Amino acid sequence: MKRILLGDNLELLPALPAGFARLCYIDPPFNTGKVQRRRRMRVRKTDGPGERRGFAGRSYRVQKLRSASFADRFDDYCAFLLPRIELALRCLTADGSLFVHLDAREVHHVKVALDALLGREHFMNEIVWAYDYGARSKTRWPAKHDSILWYALDPRRYVFRYEAMDRIPYLAPKLVTPEKAARGKTPTDVWWQTIVPTGGKEKTGYPTQKPLAILERIVKVHSAPGDVVLDFFAGSGTTGAAAAKHGRGFVLIDASRAAVRVMQKRLAAYAPECVGLRAR
């Protein structure tokens, strides 16, 4: 199953089959109170005057391109998010997992609401994604992390494929055996991962795009090949890219035509079924 759906997830989720997905990951709007926009531009070398100077004094003209954007403002964030999560729970298998990616503005409110909805015993981890990029405040500690809440539908039976976990280097490799140093250690609940590089091939130009490596770790450990992964705030389609890369199916939902266009292009090699937007 490889599907991209255009529309309001509140309307589309009830129409999906029950128990089809083993994993649901969402990266909903963070309620920043701002318009989220990723600036895009095309830079071309010129023999005349240009807006930018490069190596050996070369001049470059800069053309600003149209960018995707969305208003990230909600008066009652939990009232917006929780009904959608509740609708998605029926789509999960009995041993499925839910991952909700948030930042410091709302994570505490959503954690309390999910504890009430699912039960505190279903909470498994708060994963901290730490990065180091962007402006640094001079009036407070710069905010350089997100939180990812993991809930299991059944806290006694869930998917956790330890052997599929990627490993990371030891900070002090000389303090362990050469064999251990070569193998690396398993991550903790704090994940260091840089943001998507501005000039990298992974970049789609979509606002709030998350690194593929974060989604690959979640997909590989919390689902098995042949499973289906659900993301109903799919954005640039990173969840689908991670799922397809590792032999999983995906169902991606987004209300933005721009997002669906990005997903169509990004996932074209996997020939997904696109519903609600004609493929081009």
Protein backbone atom coordinates (compact mmCIF):
# COMPACT_ATOMS: atom_id res chain seq x y z
CA MET A 1 0.00 0.00 0.00
CA LYS A 2 1.50 3.31 -1.13
CA ARG A 3 -0.98 6.18 -1.10
CA ILE A 4 -0.89 9.99 -0.94
CA LEU A 5 -4.17 11.65 -0.02
CA LEU A 6 -5.03 15.34 -0.41
CA GLY A 7 -7.59 16.63 2.07
CA ASP A 8 -8.52 17.35 5.67
CA ASN A 9 -7.31 14.49 7.85
CA LEU A 10 -10.37 14.94 10.07
CA GLU A 11 -12.50 13.87 7.11
CA LEU A 12 -10.15 11.32 5.54
CA LEU A 13 -9.09 9.31 8.61
CA PRO A 14 -12.55 7.78 9.27
CA ALA A 15 -12.61 6.44 5.70
CA LEU A 16 -9.35 4.50 6.13
CA PRO A 17 -9.51 0.80 7.02
CA ALA A 18 -9.12 -0.30 10.62
CA GLY A 19 -5.88 -1.90 11.75
CA PHE A 20 -3.94 -1.39 8.52
CA ALA A 21 -0.89 0.47 9.94
CA ARG A 22 1.64 -0.77 12.45
CA LEU A 23 3.15 2.63 13.01
CA CYS A 24 1.81 6.17 12.98
CA TYR A 25 4.17 9.13 13.06
CA ILE A 26 2.96 12.72 12.86
CA ASP A 27 4.74 16.06 12.81
CA PRO A 28 1.78 18.44 13.31
CA PRO A 29 2.01 22.23 13.19
CA PHE A 30 3.81 23.43 16.32
CA ASN A 31 1.49 26.37 17.13
CA THR A 32 4.29 28.90 16.79
CA GLY A 33 1.84 31.72 16.09
CA LYS A 34 3.73 32.50 12.88
CA VAL A 35 3.43 31.84 9.17
CA GLN A 36 5.81 28.97 8.42
CA ARG A 37 7.68 29.57 5.18
CA ARG A 38 10.85 28.19 3.66
CA ARG A 39 12.66 30.76 1.54
CA ARG A 40 13.70 29.42 -1.85
CA MET A 41 15.92 31.00 -4.46
CA ARG A 42 17.77 30.22 -7.68
CA VAL A 43 21.35 31.45 -7.98
CA ARG A 44 22.97 31.87 -11.41
CA LYS A 45 26.43 32.98 -12.42
CA THR A 46 26.56 36.27 -14.33
CA ASP A 47 29.24 38.29 -16.09
CA GLY A 48 27.53 41.51 -15.00
CA PRO A 49 26.60 42.88 -11.57
CA GLY A 50 24.95 40.45 -9.16
CA GLU A 51 23.38 40.36 -5.71
CA ARG A 52 25.97 37.87 -4.43
CA ARG A 53 29.73 37.49 -4.69
CA GLY A 54 31.42 34.08 -4.73
CA PHE A 55 34.79 32.42 -5.09
CA ALA A 56 37.43 34.37 -7.06
CA GLY A 57 35.16 37.42 -7.15
CA ARG A 58 32.51 35.82 -9.39
CA SER A 59 29.09 37.49 -9.46
CA TYR A 60 25.74 35.72 -9.11
CA ARG A 61 22.15 36.83 -9.73
CA VAL A 62 19.54 35.72 -7.21
CA GLN A 63 15.97 34.94 -8.23
CA LYS A 64 13.44 34.50 -5.42
CA LEU A 65 11.10 31.56 -6.00
CA ARG A 66 7.56 30.96 -4.81
CA SER A 67 7.61 29.08 -1.49
CA ALA A 68 5.12 26.88 0.33
CA SER A 69 3.75 28.33 3.56
CA PHE A 70 1.06 27.80 6.17
CA ALA A 71 -0.38 29.66 9.16
CA ASP A 72 0.74 27.94 12.37
CA ARG A 73 -1.69 29.36 14.94
CA PHE A 74 -4.33 27.58 17.05
CA ASP A 75 -6.37 29.00 19.92
CA ASP A 76 -6.82 25.54 21.51
CA TYR A 77 -4.07 23.26 20.23
CA CYS A 78 -5.18 20.08 22.00
CA ALA A 79 -8.76 20.56 20.77
CA PHE A 80 -7.33 20.70 17.25
CA LEU A 81 -4.92 17.76 17.57
CA LEU A 82 -6.50 15.16 19.87
CA PRO A 83 -9.64 14.40 17.80
CA ARG A 84 -7.40 13.64 14.84
CA ILE A 85 -5.16 11.36 16.88
CA GLU A 86 -8.19 9.55 18.28
CA LEU A 87 -9.45 8.89 14.75
CA ALA A 88 -6.05 7.54 13.75
CA LEU A 89 -5.80 5.06 16.63
CA ARG A 90 -8.34 2.73 15.03
CA CYS A 91 -6.05 2.53 11.99
CA LEU A 92 -3.28 0.91 14.06
CA THR A 93 -2.70 -2.78 14.61
CA ALA A 94 -3.05 -4.10 18.17
CA ASP A 95 0.74 -3.95 18.61
CA GLY A 96 1.12 -0.60 16.87
CA SER A 97 2.82 2.58 18.04
CA LEU A 98 2.06 6.29 17.85
CA PHE A 99 4.81 8.92 17.58
CA VAL A 100 3.94 12.62 17.98
CA HIS A 101 6.65 15.16 17.11
CA LEU A 102 6.34 18.48 18.97
CA ASP A 103 8.39 21.31 20.45
CA ALA A 104 8.49 22.95 23.86
CA ARG A 105 5.43 25.16 23.25
CA GLU A 106 2.87 22.36 23.36
CA VAL A 107 4.55 19.07 24.25
CA HIS A 108 3.59 19.23 27.94
CA HIS A 109 -0.07 19.94 27.13
CA VAL A 110 -0.22 17.15 24.54
CA LYS A 111 1.54 14.69 26.88
CA VAL A 112 -1.10 15.22 29.57
CA ALA A 113 -3.91 14.95 27.00
CA LEU A 114 -2.49 11.73 25.51
CA ASP A 115 -2.03 10.25 28.98
CA ALA A 116 -5.74 10.88 29.57
CA LEU A 117 -6.74 9.50 26.17
CA LEU A 118 -4.58 6.35 26.14
CA GLY A 119 -3.59 5.87 29.78
CA ARG A 120 -0.25 6.77 31.33
CA GLU A 121 0.91 3.15 31.17
CA HIS A 122 0.86 3.40 27.35
CA PHE A 123 3.54 6.12 27.37
CA MET A 124 6.89 4.56 26.48
CA ASN A 125 9.41 7.37 25.82
CA GLU A 126 9.96 11.04 25.27
CA ILE A 127 12.67 11.18 22.63
CA VAL A 128 14.64 14.41 22.43
CA TRP A 129 15.93 15.37 19.00
CA ALA A 130 18.82 17.81 19.53
CA TYR A 131 20.33 19.92 16.76
CA ASP A 132 22.53 23.00 16.50
CA TYR A 133 21.56 25.42 13.76
CA GLY A 134 20.12 28.89 13.37
CA ALA A 135 20.02 32.03 15.46
CA ARG A 136 21.22 32.16 19.06
CA SER A 137 19.24 34.21 21.53
CA LYS A 138 21.03 36.66 23.80
CA THR A 139 18.16 36.81 26.28
CA ARG A 140 17.59 33.07 27.00
CA TRP A 141 19.05 29.63 26.29
CA PRO A 142 18.62 29.02 22.54
CA ALA A 143 15.91 26.42 21.85
CA LYS A 144 17.64 23.66 19.85
CA HIS A 145 15.59 20.53 20.42
CA ASP A 146 12.23 18.93 19.65
CA SER A 147 10.37 16.21 21.56
CA ILE A 148 8.89 13.04 20.08
CA LEU A 149 6.34 11.26 22.28
CA TRP A 150 6.05 7.49 21.83
CA TYR A 151 2.89 5.66 22.91
CA ALA A 152 2.21 1.93 22.46
CA LEU A 153 -1.34 0.74 21.98
CA ASP A 154 -0.45 -2.30 24.09
CA PRO A 155 2.40 -1.60 26.56
CA ARG A 156 2.96 -5.35 26.98
CA ARG A 157 3.13 -6.14 23.26
CA TYR A 158 4.60 -3.68 20.77
CA VAL A 159 7.15 -3.59 17.97
CA PHE A 160 10.70 -2.79 19.04
CA ARG A 161 13.24 -4.37 16.68
CA TYR A 162 16.41 -3.84 18.68
CA GLU A 163 18.55 -5.60 16.09
CA ALA A 164 17.43 -3.08 13.43
CA MET A 165 18.63 -0.10 15.45
CA ASP A 166 21.43 1.94 13.88
CA ARG A 167 24.48 2.49 16.04
CA ILE A 168 26.41 5.64 16.85
CA PRO A 169 30.11 6.21 17.64
CA TYR A 170 31.41 6.08 21.21
CA LEU A 171 32.48 9.50 22.45
CA ALA A 172 35.52 7.88 24.09
CA PRO A 173 36.26 4.86 21.87
CA LYS A 174 39.58 4.14 23.61
CA LEU A 175 37.69 3.29 26.81
CA VAL A 176 35.99 0.26 25.21
CA THR A 177 37.29 -2.75 23.32
CA PRO A 178 38.20 -2.32 19.64
CA GLU A 179 35.29 -4.61 18.75
CA LYS A 180 32.83 -2.40 20.62
CA ALA A 181 34.31 0.75 19.15
CA ALA A 182 33.97 -0.65 15.63
CA ARG A 183 30.36 -1.74 16.26
CA GLY A 184 29.31 1.49 17.96
CA LYS A 185 26.71 1.89 20.69
CA THR A 186 22.94 2.01 20.55
CA PRO A 187 21.28 5.44 20.87
CA THR A 188 19.54 6.63 24.02
CA ASP A 189 16.37 8.73 24.15
CA VAL A 190 18.43 11.80 23.14
CA TRP A 191 19.16 11.85 19.40
CA TRP A 192 21.72 14.25 17.96
CA GLN A 193 21.00 14.89 14.30
CA THR A 194 21.62 18.01 12.25
CA ILE A 195 18.71 19.57 10.37
CA VAL A 196 18.26 18.94 6.65
CA PRO A 197 21.28 20.62 4.99
CA THR A 198 20.29 23.73 3.04
CA GLY A 199 22.13 22.70 -0.12
CA GLY A 200 21.72 18.93 0.28
CA LYS A 201 19.94 16.54 -2.08
CA GLU A 202 17.45 15.72 0.67
CA LYS A 203 16.10 19.29 0.71
CA THR A 204 12.65 19.70 -0.84
CA GLY A 205 12.09 23.37 -0.06
CA TYR A 206 9.04 22.54 2.08
CA PRO A 207 8.73 24.36 5.44
CA THR A 208 9.45 22.31 8.60
CA GLN A 209 10.95 19.35 6.69
CA LYS A 210 12.48 16.85 9.14
CA PRO A 211 15.67 14.83 8.53
CA LEU A 212 15.24 11.46 6.85
CA ALA A 213 17.60 9.88 9.41
CA ILE A 214 15.15 10.58 12.26
CA LEU A 215 12.29 8.87 10.44
CA GLU A 216 14.47 5.97 9.29
CA ARG A 217 15.38 5.14 12.89
CA ILE A 218 11.72 5.15 13.96
CA VAL A 219 10.52 3.17 10.94
CA LYS A 220 13.22 0.49 11.16
CA VAL A 221 12.77 -0.16 14.89
CA HIS A 222 9.00 0.18 15.24
CA SER A 223 7.80 -1.60 12.10
CA ALA A 224 8.83 -4.58 9.99
CA PRO A 225 9.30 -4.94 6.23
CA GLY A 226 5.90 -5.26 4.60
CA ASP A 227 4.16 -3.17 7.26
CA VAL A 228 2.36 0.11 6.49
CA VAL A 229 3.19 3.46 8.10
CA LEU A 230 0.61 6.25 8.51
CA ASP A 231 1.36 9.99 8.60
CA PHE A 232 -1.64 12.34 8.50
CA PHE A 233 0.41 15.57 8.66
CA ALA A 234 2.72 14.35 5.92
CA GLY A 235 4.22 17.65 4.71
CA SER A 236 7.21 16.92 2.50
CA GLY A 237 6.70 13.14 2.70
CA THR A 238 9.74 12.23 4.79
CA THR A 239 7.77 9.47 6.55
CA GLY A 240 6.88 7.95 3.19
CA ALA A 241 10.47 8.22 1.97
CA ALA A 242 11.78 6.41 5.07
CA ALA A 243 9.06 3.75 4.85
CA ALA A 244 9.55 3.03 1.15
CA LYS A 245 13.34 2.98 1.45
CA HIS A 246 13.09 0.18 4.03
CA GLY A 247 10.42 -1.95 2.39
CA ARG A 248 7.34 -0.57 4.12
CA GLY A 249 4.15 0.79 2.63
CA PHE A 250 2.78 4.21 3.51
CA VAL A 251 -0.39 6.27 3.67
CA LEU A 252 0.31 10.02 3.68
CA ILE A 253 -2.32 12.72 4.21
CA ASP A 254 -1.96 16.46 3.88
CA ALA A 255 -4.40 19.31 3.26
CA SER A 256 -1.87 21.34 1.28
CA ARG A 257 -1.70 20.96 -2.50
CA ALA A 258 1.88 22.22 -2.38
CA ALA A 259 2.80 19.46 0.08
CA VAL A 260 1.16 16.78 -2.05
CA ARG A 261 3.00 18.03 -5.14
CA VAL A 262 6.30 17.79 -3.24
CA MET A 263 5.42 14.24 -2.13
CA GLN A 264 4.43 13.21 -5.64
CA LYS A 265 7.80 14.30 -6.97
CA ARG A 266 9.82 12.96 -4.07
CA LEU A 267 8.16 9.52 -4.05
CA ALA A 268 7.58 9.11 -7.78
CA ALA A 269 10.02 6.18 -7.98
CA TYR A 270 7.67 4.16 -5.74
CA ALA A 271 4.60 4.87 -7.93
CA PRO A 272 2.21 5.85 -5.14
CA GLU A 273 -1.53 6.16 -5.73
CA CYS A 274 -2.42 9.86 -5.48
CA VAL A 275 -5.97 10.63 -4.40
CA GLY A 276 -7.50 14.08 -4.69
CA LEU A 277 -4.82 15.59 -6.93
CA ARG A 278 -4.17 14.62 -10.51
CA ALA A 279 -0.66 13.27 -11.02
CA ARG A 280 1.56 15.12 -13.50
